[in-house]
Amino acid sequence: MIGITGSKHMGNYWSVDLRHYLLPNGKPVPLSPRGERLFNYWAEIVSQATQYDDPTTLHCRRRPGRRPCGTLLTIFFDIDTNDVIWFCSRCHDEGRISGWEDTFWDNDALSPDSLS
């Protein structure tokens, strides 16, 4: 099943290539309100993942039974592909984000090591 263009959604699993949602200048493409909420969520996951020394503060967006899940996400990197992986231990929302490198939300570009 295709969610918003460029992402595959299967149950509670998302496979996202962030580049599919970016214009050549790096800004997000115009999206529907739902698409914009999802994109912002994925962008925040990337932002948190690339703040390597900071703990995760992002809560799950899902609303099982129309009630907010609110559990802190677990976010890490796939060591083989460098994709950002996330999951919620409570409601099992999960996914992988590729194409995040060198985007606005890639905080690695701001690290002291990358500036030298």
Protein backbone atom coordinates (compact mmCIF):
# COMPACT_ATOMS: atom_id res chain seq x y z
CA MET A 1 0.00 0.00 0.00
CA ILE A 2 1.36 3.42 -0.88
CA GLY A 3 0.78 6.07 1.77
CA ILE A 4 1.77 9.50 0.57
CA THR A 5 3.78 9.47 -2.65
CA GLY A 6 7.21 7.92 -2.25
CA SER A 7 6.63 6.04 0.98
CA LYS A 8 5.55 2.48 1.50
CA HIS A 9 3.30 1.79 4.45
CA MET A 10 2.56 -1.72 5.59
CA GLY A 11 0.58 -2.00 8.79
CA ASN A 12 2.59 -0.01 11.31
CA TYR A 13 5.80 -0.06 9.23
CA TRP A 14 6.97 2.90 7.12
CA SER A 15 9.77 2.86 4.54
CA VAL A 16 10.59 6.45 3.60
CA ASP A 17 13.14 8.08 1.29
CA LEU A 18 13.25 11.69 2.47
CA ARG A 19 14.56 12.87 -0.94
CA HIS A 20 11.16 12.05 -2.46
CA TYR A 21 9.67 14.91 -0.44
CA LEU A 22 12.26 17.57 -1.23
CA LEU A 23 12.51 20.17 -3.97
CA PRO A 24 15.91 20.70 -5.65
CA ASN A 25 16.57 23.58 -3.20
CA GLY A 26 16.12 21.20 -0.23
CA LYS A 27 12.78 22.56 0.93
CA PRO A 28 9.82 20.20 1.39
CA VAL A 29 7.41 19.78 -1.51
CA PRO A 30 3.85 21.04 -0.95
CA LEU A 31 1.89 18.29 0.79
CA SER A 32 -1.61 17.72 2.07
CA PRO A 33 -2.07 18.47 5.78
CA ARG A 34 -1.73 14.75 6.62
CA GLY A 35 1.32 14.44 4.38
CA GLU A 36 2.90 17.49 5.98
CA ARG A 37 2.35 16.05 9.49
CA LEU A 38 3.98 12.77 8.47
CA PHE A 39 6.89 14.51 6.77
CA ASN A 40 7.49 16.69 9.84
CA TYR A 41 7.44 13.57 12.02
CA TRP A 42 10.00 11.81 9.81
CA ALA A 43 12.16 14.95 9.66
CA GLU A 44 12.12 15.19 13.46
CA ILE A 45 13.14 11.52 13.71
CA VAL A 46 16.15 12.27 11.46
CA SER A 47 16.97 15.39 13.45
CA GLN A 48 16.94 13.46 16.72
CA ALA A 49 18.89 10.54 15.26
CA THR A 50 21.69 12.85 14.13
CA GLN A 51 22.01 14.52 17.53
CA TYR A 52 24.21 11.62 18.54
CA ASP A 53 24.95 12.64 22.13
CA ASP A 54 21.46 13.79 23.05
CA PRO A 55 18.76 11.44 24.34
CA THR A 56 15.63 10.89 22.28
CA THR A 57 12.74 13.14 23.29
CA LEU A 58 10.34 12.37 20.45
CA HIS A 59 7.10 10.64 21.38
CA CYS A 60 5.11 8.26 19.20
CA ARG A 61 2.54 9.96 16.97
CA ARG A 62 0.08 7.05 16.74
CA ARG A 63 -3.32 7.06 18.37
CA PRO A 64 -4.34 3.43 18.89
CA GLY A 65 -7.98 3.31 19.90
CA ARG A 66 -8.04 7.10 19.30
CA ARG A 67 -5.86 7.65 22.37
CA PRO A 68 -2.35 9.07 22.09
CA CYS A 69 0.35 6.44 22.45
CA GLY A 70 2.92 8.99 23.64
CA THR A 71 5.72 6.49 24.25
CA LEU A 72 9.29 7.67 23.67
CA LEU A 73 10.62 6.34 20.38
CA THR A 74 13.75 4.24 20.08
CA ILE A 75 15.87 5.62 17.25
CA PHE A 76 19.10 4.22 15.81
CA PHE A 77 21.00 3.60 12.56
CA ASP A 78 21.13 0.50 10.37
CA ILE A 79 24.88 -0.17 10.29
CA ASP A 80 24.72 -1.65 6.78
CA THR A 81 22.66 1.03 5.01
CA ASN A 82 22.95 4.05 7.36
CA ASP A 83 19.15 4.33 7.29
CA VAL A 84 17.52 5.79 10.36
CA ILE A 85 15.41 3.15 12.11
CA TRP A 86 12.72 3.94 14.65
CA PHE A 87 10.18 1.99 16.65
CA CYS A 88 7.68 2.38 19.44
CA SER A 89 7.84 -0.38 22.02
CA ARG A 90 4.21 0.15 23.03
CA CYS A 91 2.15 0.34 19.82
CA HIS A 92 4.78 -1.05 17.45
CA ASP A 93 4.79 1.88 15.01
CA GLU A 94 8.10 1.57 13.21
CA GLY A 95 10.01 2.37 10.08
CA ARG A 96 13.16 3.25 8.25
CA ILE A 97 14.22 6.54 6.64
CA SER A 98 16.78 6.74 3.85
CA GLY A 99 17.93 9.74 1.83
CA TRP A 100 18.32 11.93 4.92
CA GLU A 101 22.04 12.69 4.54
CA ASP A 102 22.88 16.34 3.82
CA THR A 103 19.28 17.49 4.29
CA PHE A 104 18.28 20.39 6.52
CA TRP A 105 17.47 17.89 9.29
CA ASP A 106 20.88 16.18 9.20
CA ASN A 107 22.56 17.60 12.29
CA ASP A 108 25.79 15.80 11.44
CA ALA A 109 26.67 18.74 9.20
CA LEU A 110 26.65 20.93 12.33
CA SER A 111 29.02 18.76 14.38
CA PRO A 112 32.48 20.20 15.21
CA ASP A 113 34.17 17.24 13.45
CA SER A 114 32.45 18.02 10.16
CA LEU A 115 33.38 21.72 10.30
CA SER A 116 37.14 21.14 10.55
